[in-house]
Amino acid sequence: MYSKDSSQIPDFDQVGMHRLLSVNVGLPRDVTWNRKTVRTAIWKSPVAGRQRVNKLNVVGDAQADLAGHAFLIVAN
């Protein structure tokens, strides 16, 4: 599409494209909340470089409550 010369490539803002600023991942952990132990993965941290994306998540990331997160939506 464009030559390897970076001066030929339009800026993201010029063409209205969105930029991915950060990929954040985190694993579930047990915390105490209202005197109960609950499992959560709400805390995420940014990772550097490329990250593999699977069908359900990004490598290094997981969900604590799989009832609402671990399914595939198939469009007809």
PDB file of N, CA and C in Angstrom:
ATOM      1  N   MET A   1       0.822  -1.180   0.000  1.00  0.00           N
ATOM      2  CA  MET A   1       0.000   0.000   0.000  1.00  0.00           C
ATOM      3  C   MET A   1       0.875   1.256   0.000  1.00  0.00           C
ATOM      4  N   TYR A   2       1.803   1.377   0.939  1.00  0.00           N
ATOM      5  CA  TYR A   2       2.718   2.506   0.999  1.00  0.00           C
ATOM      6  C   TYR A   2       4.133   1.995   0.848  1.00  0.00           C
ATOM      7  N   SER A   3       5.020   2.867   0.380  1.00  0.00           N
ATOM      8  CA  SER A   3       6.418   2.472   0.277  1.00  0.00           C
ATOM      9  C   SER A   3       7.029   2.389   1.674  1.00  0.00           C
ATOM     10  N   LYS A   4       8.227   1.853   1.752  1.00  0.00           N
ATOM     11  CA  LYS A   4       8.909   1.737   3.036  1.00  0.00           C
ATOM     12  C   LYS A   4       9.377   3.090   3.563  1.00  0.00           C
ATOM     13  N   ASP A   5       9.337   4.089   2.733  1.00  0.00           N
ATOM     14  CA  ASP A   5       9.736   5.434   3.141  1.00  0.00           C
ATOM     15  C   ASP A   5       8.658   5.985   4.066  1.00  0.00           C
ATOM     16  N   SER A   6       9.010   6.192   5.351  1.00  0.00           N
ATOM     17  CA  SER A   6       8.015   6.611   6.340  1.00  0.00           C
ATOM     18  C   SER A   6       7.438   7.987   6.052  1.00  0.00           C
ATOM     19  N   SER A   7       8.099   8.787   5.244  1.00  0.00           N
ATOM     20  CA  SER A   7       7.550  10.104   4.925  1.00  0.00           C
ATOM     21  C   SER A   7       6.310   9.988   4.032  1.00  0.00           C
ATOM     22  N   GLN A   8       6.119   8.831   3.412  1.00  0.00           N
ATOM     23  CA  GLN A   8       4.972   8.606   2.536  1.00  0.00           C
ATOM     24  C   GLN A   8       3.739   8.129   3.301  1.00  0.00           C
ATOM     25  N   ILE A   9       3.916   7.701   4.550  1.00  0.00           N
ATOM     26  CA  ILE A   9       2.817   7.155   5.330  1.00  0.00           C
ATOM     27  C   ILE A   9       2.095   8.280   6.054  1.00  0.00           C
ATOM     28  N   PRO A  10       0.773   8.411   5.865  1.00  0.00           N
ATOM     29  CA  PRO A  10       0.051   9.494   6.543  1.00  0.00           C
ATOM     30  C   PRO A  10      -0.002   9.267   8.043  1.00  0.00           C
ATOM     31  N   ASP A  11      -0.102  10.353   8.784  1.00  0.00           N
ATOM     32  CA  ASP A  11      -0.216  10.300  10.235  1.00  0.00           C
ATOM     33  C   ASP A  11      -1.595   9.759  10.607  1.00  0.00           C
ATOM     34  N   PHE A  12      -1.676   9.044  11.744  1.00  0.00           N
ATOM     35  CA  PHE A  12      -2.952   8.497  12.209  1.00  0.00           C
ATOM     36  C   PHE A  12      -4.024   9.577  12.285  1.00  0.00           C
ATOM     37  N   ASP A  13      -3.663  10.749  12.805  1.00  0.00           N
ATOM     38  CA  ASP A  13      -4.635  11.822  12.969  1.00  0.00           C
ATOM     39  C   ASP A  13      -5.138  12.344  11.625  1.00  0.00           C
ATOM     40  N   GLN A  14      -4.309  12.273  10.607  1.00  0.00           N
ATOM     41  CA  GLN A  14      -4.714  12.756   9.290  1.00  0.00           C
ATOM     42  C   GLN A  14      -5.785  11.868   8.665  1.00  0.00           C
ATOM     43  N   VAL A  15      -5.728  10.582   8.920  1.00  0.00           N
ATOM     44  CA  VAL A  15      -6.686   9.660   8.300  1.00  0.00           C
ATOM     45  C   VAL A  15      -7.783   9.232   9.272  1.00  0.00           C
ATOM     46  N   GLY A  16      -7.758   9.739  10.493  1.00  0.00           N
ATOM     47  CA  GLY A  16      -8.818   9.446  11.458  1.00  0.00           C
ATOM     48  C   GLY A  16      -8.773   8.046  12.037  1.00  0.00           C
ATOM     49  N   MET A  17      -7.612   7.426  12.043  1.00  0.00           N
ATOM     50  CA  MET A  17      -7.493   6.071  12.614  1.00  0.00           C
ATOM     51  C   MET A  17      -7.262   6.153  14.117  1.00  0.00           C
ATOM     52  N   HIS A  18      -7.704   5.123  14.814  1.00  0.00           N
ATOM     53  CA  HIS A  18      -7.482   5.040  16.247  1.00  0.00           C
ATOM     54  C   HIS A  18      -6.149   4.378  16.525  1.00  0.00           C
ATOM     55  N   ARG A  19      -5.574   4.707  17.672  1.00  0.00           N
ATOM     56  CA  ARG A  19      -4.295   4.120  18.089  1.00  0.00           C
ATOM     57  C   ARG A  19      -4.498   3.277  19.326  1.00  0.00           C
ATOM     58  N   LEU A  20      -3.828   2.164  19.382  1.00  0.00           N
ATOM     59  CA  LEU A  20      -3.818   1.339  20.584  1.00  0.00           C
ATOM     60  C   LEU A  20      -2.717   1.892  21.480  1.00  0.00           C
ATOM     61  N   LEU A  21      -3.099   2.427  22.620  1.00  0.00           N
ATOM     62  CA  LEU A  21      -2.140   3.083  23.505  1.00  0.00           C
ATOM     63  C   LEU A  21      -1.530   2.137  24.517  1.00  0.00           C
ATOM     64  N   SER A  22      -2.288   1.117  24.924  1.00  0.00           N
ATOM     65  CA  SER A  22      -1.787   0.246  25.979  1.00  0.00           C
ATOM     66  C   SER A  22      -2.529  -1.080  25.955  1.00  0.00           C
ATOM     67  N   VAL A  23      -1.792  -2.156  26.214  1.00  0.00           N
ATOM     68  CA  VAL A  23      -2.388  -3.473  26.443  1.00  0.00           C
ATOM     69  C   VAL A  23      -2.130  -3.795  27.902  1.00  0.00           C
ATOM     70  N   ASN A  24      -3.201  -4.070  28.643  1.00  0.00           N
ATOM     71  CA  ASN A  24      -3.091  -4.335  30.082  1.00  0.00           C
ATOM     72  C   ASN A  24      -3.598  -5.736  30.385  1.00  0.00           C
ATOM     73  N   VAL A  25      -2.848  -6.455  31.208  1.00  0.00           N
ATOM     74  CA  VAL A  25      -3.225  -7.817  31.575  1.00  0.00           C
ATOM     75  C   VAL A  25      -3.122  -7.996  33.081  1.00  0.00           C
ATOM     76  N   GLY A  26      -3.820  -8.998  33.572  1.00  0.00           N
ATOM     77  CA  GLY A  26      -3.758  -9.314  34.992  1.00  0.00           C
ATOM     78  C   GLY A  26      -4.385 -10.668  35.251  1.00  0.00           C
ATOM     79  N   LEU A  27      -3.944 -11.311  36.295  1.00  0.00           N
ATOM     80  CA  LEU A  27      -4.467 -12.629  36.669  1.00  0.00           C
ATOM     81  C   LEU A  27      -5.329 -12.513  37.915  1.00  0.00           C
ATOM     82  N   PRO A  28      -6.282 -13.416  38.070  1.00  0.00           N
ATOM     83  CA  PRO A  28      -7.145 -13.377  39.250  1.00  0.00           C
ATOM     84  C   PRO A  28      -6.359 -13.541  40.548  1.00  0.00           C
ATOM     85  N   ARG A  29      -6.862 -12.900  41.595  1.00  0.00           N
ATOM     86  CA  ARG A  29      -6.288 -13.077  42.927  1.00  0.00           C
ATOM     87  C   ARG A  29      -7.400 -12.934  43.961  1.00  0.00           C
ATOM     88  N   ASP A  30      -7.162 -13.510  45.118  1.00  0.00           N
ATOM     89  CA  ASP A  30      -8.125 -13.448  46.208  1.00  0.00           C
ATOM     90  C   ASP A  30      -7.861 -12.210  47.052  1.00  0.00           C
ATOM     91  N   VAL A  31      -8.934 -11.473  47.341  1.00  0.00           N
ATOM     92  CA  VAL A  31      -8.838 -10.283  48.181  1.00  0.00           C
ATOM     93  C   VAL A  31      -9.966 -10.325  49.206  1.00  0.00           C
ATOM     94  N   THR A  32      -9.777  -9.600  50.288  1.00  0.00           N
ATOM     95  CA  THR A  32     -10.826  -9.498  51.301  1.00  0.00           C
ATOM     96  C   THR A  32     -11.629  -8.235  51.035  1.00  0.00           C
ATOM     97  N   TRP A  33     -12.944  -8.410  50.955  1.00  0.00           N
ATOM     98  CA  TRP A  33     -13.849  -7.299  50.716  1.00  0.00           C
ATOM     99  C   TRP A  33     -15.115  -7.530  51.542  1.00  0.00           C
ATOM    100  N   ASN A  34     -15.462  -6.565  52.365  1.00  0.00           N
ATOM    101  CA  ASN A  34     -16.621  -6.708  53.270  1.00  0.00           C
ATOM    102  C   ASN A  34     -16.534  -7.990  54.102  1.00  0.00           C
ATOM    103  N   ARG A  35     -15.356  -8.252  54.631  1.00  0.00           N
ATOM    104  CA  ARG A  35     -15.069  -9.409  55.481  1.00  0.00           C
ATOM    105  C   ARG A  35     -15.261 -10.757  54.777  1.00  0.00           C
ATOM    106  N   LYS A  36     -15.257 -10.742  53.459  1.00  0.00           N
ATOM    107  CA  LYS A  36     -15.356 -11.973  52.669  1.00  0.00           C
ATOM    108  C   LYS A  36     -14.170 -12.046  51.729  1.00  0.00           C
ATOM    109  N   THR A  37     -13.758 -13.257  51.422  1.00  0.00           N
ATOM    110  CA  THR A  37     -12.714 -13.448  50.419  1.00  0.00           C
ATOM    111  C   THR A  37     -13.384 -13.598  49.063  1.00  0.00           C
ATOM    112  N   VAL A  38     -12.990 -12.738  48.142  1.00  0.00           N
ATOM    113  CA  VAL A  38     -13.533 -12.788  46.783  1.00  0.00           C
ATOM    114  C   VAL A  38     -12.374 -12.881  45.792  1.00  0.00           C
ATOM    115  N   ARG A  39     -12.657 -13.470  44.666  1.00  0.00           N
ATOM    116  CA  ARG A  39     -11.647 -13.611  43.620  1.00  0.00           C
ATOM    117  C   ARG A  39     -11.929 -12.544  42.559  1.00  0.00           C
ATOM    118  N   THR A  40     -10.891 -11.798  42.196  1.00  0.00           N
ATOM    119  CA  THR A  40     -11.048 -10.737  41.208  1.00  0.00           C
ATOM    120  C   THR A  40      -9.803 -10.621  40.337  1.00  0.00           C
ATOM    121  N   ALA A  41     -10.019 -10.109  39.150  1.00  0.00           N
ATOM    122  CA  ALA A  41      -8.905  -9.819  38.240  1.00  0.00           C
ATOM    123  C   ALA A  41      -9.016  -8.385  37.756  1.00  0.00           C
ATOM    124  N   ILE A  42      -9.533  -7.533  38.600  1.00  0.00           N
ATOM    125  CA  ILE A  42      -9.765  -6.140  38.226  1.00  0.00           C
ATOM    126  C   ILE A  42      -8.462  -5.366  38.019  1.00  0.00           C
ATOM    127  N   TRP A  43      -7.405  -5.759  38.714  1.00  0.00           N
ATOM    128  CA  TRP A  43      -6.141  -5.026  38.589  1.00  0.00           C
ATOM    129  C   TRP A  43      -5.365  -5.528  37.386  1.00  0.00           C
ATOM    130  N   LYS A  44      -5.100  -4.631  36.475  1.00  0.00           N
ATOM    131  CA  LYS A  44      -4.366  -4.940  35.252  1.00  0.00           C
ATOM    132  C   LYS A  44      -3.156  -4.028  35.167  1.00  0.00           C
ATOM    133  N   SER A  45      -2.104  -4.521  34.535  1.00  0.00           N
ATOM    134  CA  SER A  45      -0.880  -3.738  34.359  1.00  0.00           C
ATOM    135  C   SER A  45      -0.486  -3.743  32.887  1.00  0.00           C
ATOM    136  N   PRO A  46       0.100  -2.654  32.397  1.00  0.00           N
ATOM    137  CA  PRO A  46       0.516  -2.603  30.998  1.00  0.00           C
ATOM    138  C   PRO A  46       1.680  -3.549  30.723  1.00  0.00           C
ATOM    139  N   VAL A  47       1.694  -4.103  29.528  1.00  0.00           N
ATOM    140  CA  VAL A  47       2.789  -4.967  29.091  1.00  0.00           C
ATOM    141  C   VAL A  47       3.423  -4.349  27.856  1.00  0.00           C
ATOM    142  N   ALA A  48       4.690  -4.603  27.687  1.00  0.00           N
ATOM    143  CA  ALA A  48       5.429  -4.040  26.553  1.00  0.00           C
ATOM    144  C   ALA A  48       5.450  -5.022  25.390  1.00  0.00           C
ATOM    145  N   GLY A  49       5.534  -4.486  24.213  1.00  0.00           N
ATOM    146  CA  GLY A  49       5.703  -5.317  23.029  1.00  0.00           C
ATOM    147  C   GLY A  49       4.429  -5.999  22.574  1.00  0.00           C
ATOM    148  N   ARG A  50       4.603  -6.912  21.651  1.00  0.00           N
ATOM    149  CA  ARG A  50       3.477  -7.639  21.078  1.00  0.00           C
ATOM    150  C   ARG A  50       2.983  -8.692  22.052  1.00  0.00           C
ATOM    151  N   GLN A  51       1.688  -8.907  22.060  1.00  0.00           N
ATOM    152  CA  GLN A  51       1.069  -9.908  22.926  1.00  0.00           C
ATOM    153  C   GLN A  51       0.175 -10.810  22.085  1.00  0.00           C
ATOM    154  N   ARG A  52       0.222 -12.091  22.359  1.00  0.00           N
ATOM    155  CA  ARG A  52      -0.622 -13.041  21.630  1.00  0.00           C
ATOM    156  C   ARG A  52      -2.065 -12.911  22.117  1.00  0.00           C
ATOM    157  N   VAL A  53      -2.978 -12.870  21.171  1.00  0.00           N
ATOM    158  CA  VAL A  53      -4.399 -12.808  21.477  1.00  0.00           C
ATOM    159  C   VAL A  53      -5.024 -14.141  21.080  1.00  0.00           C
ATOM    160  N   ASN A  54      -5.670 -14.796  22.041  1.00  0.00           N
ATOM    161  CA  ASN A  54      -6.358 -16.062  21.797  1.00  0.00           C
ATOM    162  C   ASN A  54      -7.836 -15.798  21.574  1.00  0.00           C
ATOM    163  N   LYS A  55      -8.627 -16.858  21.438  1.00  0.00           N
ATOM    164  CA  LYS A  55     -10.069 -16.688  21.234  1.00  0.00           C
ATOM    165  C   LYS A  55     -10.738 -15.973  22.396  1.00  0.00           C
ATOM    166  N   LEU A  56     -10.275 -16.208  23.621  1.00  0.00           N
ATOM    167  CA  LEU A  56     -10.958 -15.671  24.794  1.00  0.00           C
ATOM    168  C   LEU A  56     -10.214 -14.566  25.522  1.00  0.00           C
ATOM    169  N   ASN A  57      -8.907 -14.431  25.300  1.00  0.00           N
ATOM    170  CA  ASN A  57      -8.188 -13.408  26.060  1.00  0.00           C
ATOM    171  C   ASN A  57      -6.816 -13.134  25.460  1.00  0.00           C
ATOM    172  N   VAL A  58      -6.073 -12.293  26.141  1.00  0.00           N
ATOM    173  CA  VAL A  58      -4.688 -11.991  25.799  1.00  0.00           C
ATOM    174  C   VAL A  58      -3.812 -12.837  26.720  1.00  0.00           C
ATOM    175  N   VAL A  59      -2.720 -13.380  26.204  1.00  0.00           N
ATOM    176  CA  VAL A  59      -1.823 -14.177  27.032  1.00  0.00           C
ATOM    177  C   VAL A  59      -1.361 -13.338  28.218  1.00  0.00           C
ATOM    178  N   GLY A  60      -1.456 -13.920  29.418  1.00  0.00           N
ATOM    179  CA  GLY A  60      -1.093 -13.204  30.639  1.00  0.00           C
ATOM    180  C   GLY A  60      -2.280 -12.553  31.321  1.00  0.00           C
ATOM    181  N   ASP A  61      -3.452 -12.682  30.702  1.00  0.00           N
ATOM    182  CA  ASP A  61      -4.661 -12.093  31.264  1.00  0.00           C
ATOM    183  C   ASP A  61      -5.681 -13.203  31.507  1.00  0.00           C
ATOM    184  N   ALA A  62      -6.493 -13.037  32.525  1.00  0.00           N
ATOM    185  CA  ALA A  62      -7.554 -14.004  32.811  1.00  0.00           C
ATOM    186  C   ALA A  62      -8.683 -13.299  33.536  1.00  0.00           C
ATOM    187  N   GLN A  63      -9.834 -13.938  33.559  1.00  0.00           N
ATOM    188  CA  GLN A  63     -10.997 -13.415  34.243  1.00  0.00           C
ATOM    189  C   GLN A  63     -11.273 -14.274  35.466  1.00  0.00           C
ATOM    190  N   ALA A  64     -11.712 -13.647  36.529  1.00  0.00           N
ATOM    191  CA  ALA A  64     -12.015 -14.374  37.763  1.00  0.00           C
ATOM    192  C   ALA A  64     -13.410 -14.986  37.707  1.00  0.00           C
ATOM    193  N   ASP A  65     -14.357 -14.270  37.125  1.00  0.00           N
ATOM    194  CA  ASP A  65     -15.741 -14.731  37.060  1.00  0.00           C
ATOM    195  C   ASP A  65     -16.023 -15.219  35.648  1.00  0.00           C
ATOM    196  N   LEU A  66     -15.828 -16.498  35.426  1.00  0.00           N
ATOM    197  CA  LEU A  66     -15.980 -17.035  34.078  1.00  0.00           C
ATOM    198  C   LEU A  66     -17.429 -17.111  33.629  1.00  0.00           C
ATOM    199  N   ALA A  67     -18.369 -16.988  34.544  1.00  0.00           N
ATOM    200  CA  ALA A  67     -19.781 -17.052  34.172  1.00  0.00           C
ATOM    201  C   ALA A  67     -20.147 -15.926  33.203  1.00  0.00           C
ATOM    202  N   GLY A  68     -19.527 -14.787  33.347  1.00  0.00           N
ATOM    203  CA  GLY A  68     -19.851 -13.664  32.478  1.00  0.00           C
ATOM    204  C   GLY A  68     -18.833 -13.375  31.409  1.00  0.00           C
ATOM    205  N   HIS A  69     -17.714 -14.106  31.410  1.00  0.00           N
ATOM    206  CA  HIS A  69     -16.634 -13.760  30.489  1.00  0.00           C
ATOM    207  C   HIS A  69     -16.169 -14.888  29.575  1.00  0.00           C
ATOM    208  N   ALA A  70     -16.352 -16.119  29.935  1.00  0.00           N
ATOM    209  CA  ALA A  70     -15.729 -17.223  29.186  1.00  0.00           C
ATOM    210  C   ALA A  70     -16.690 -17.873  28.207  1.00  0.00           C
ATOM    211  N   PHE A  71     -17.049 -17.160  27.193  1.00  0.00           N
ATOM    212  CA  PHE A  71     -17.864 -17.740  26.149  1.00  0.00           C
ATOM    213  C   PHE A  71     -17.575 -17.030  24.844  1.00  0.00           C
ATOM    214  N   LEU A  72     -17.857 -17.716  23.755  1.00  0.00           N
ATOM    215  CA  LEU A  72     -17.687 -17.118  22.445  1.00  0.00           C
ATOM    216  C   LEU A  72     -19.053 -16.697  21.918  1.00  0.00           C
ATOM    217  N   ILE A  73     -19.107 -15.556  21.315  1.00  0.00           N
ATOM    218  CA  ILE A  73     -20.337 -15.101  20.682  1.00  0.00           C
ATOM    219  C   ILE A  73     -20.194 -15.371  19.184  1.00  0.00           C
ATOM    220  N   VAL A  74     -21.112 -16.134  18.644  1.00  0.00           N
ATOM    221  CA  VAL A  74     -21.064 -16.475  17.238  1.00  0.00           C
ATOM    222  C   VAL A  74     -22.153 -15.698  16.518  1.00  0.00           C
ATOM    223  N   ALA A  75     -21.747 -14.866  15.590  1.00  0.00           N
ATOM    224  CA  ALA A  75     -22.717 -14.076  14.827  1.00  0.00           C
ATOM    225  C   ALA A  75     -23.266 -14.913  13.680  1.00  0.00           C
ATOM    226  N   ASN A  76     -24.535 -14.821  13.485  1.00  0.00           N
ATOM    227  CA  ASN A  76     -25.161 -15.535  12.360  1.00  0.00           C
ATOM    228  C   ASN A  76     -25.335 -14.609  11.190  1.00  0.00           C
TER     229      ASN A  76
END
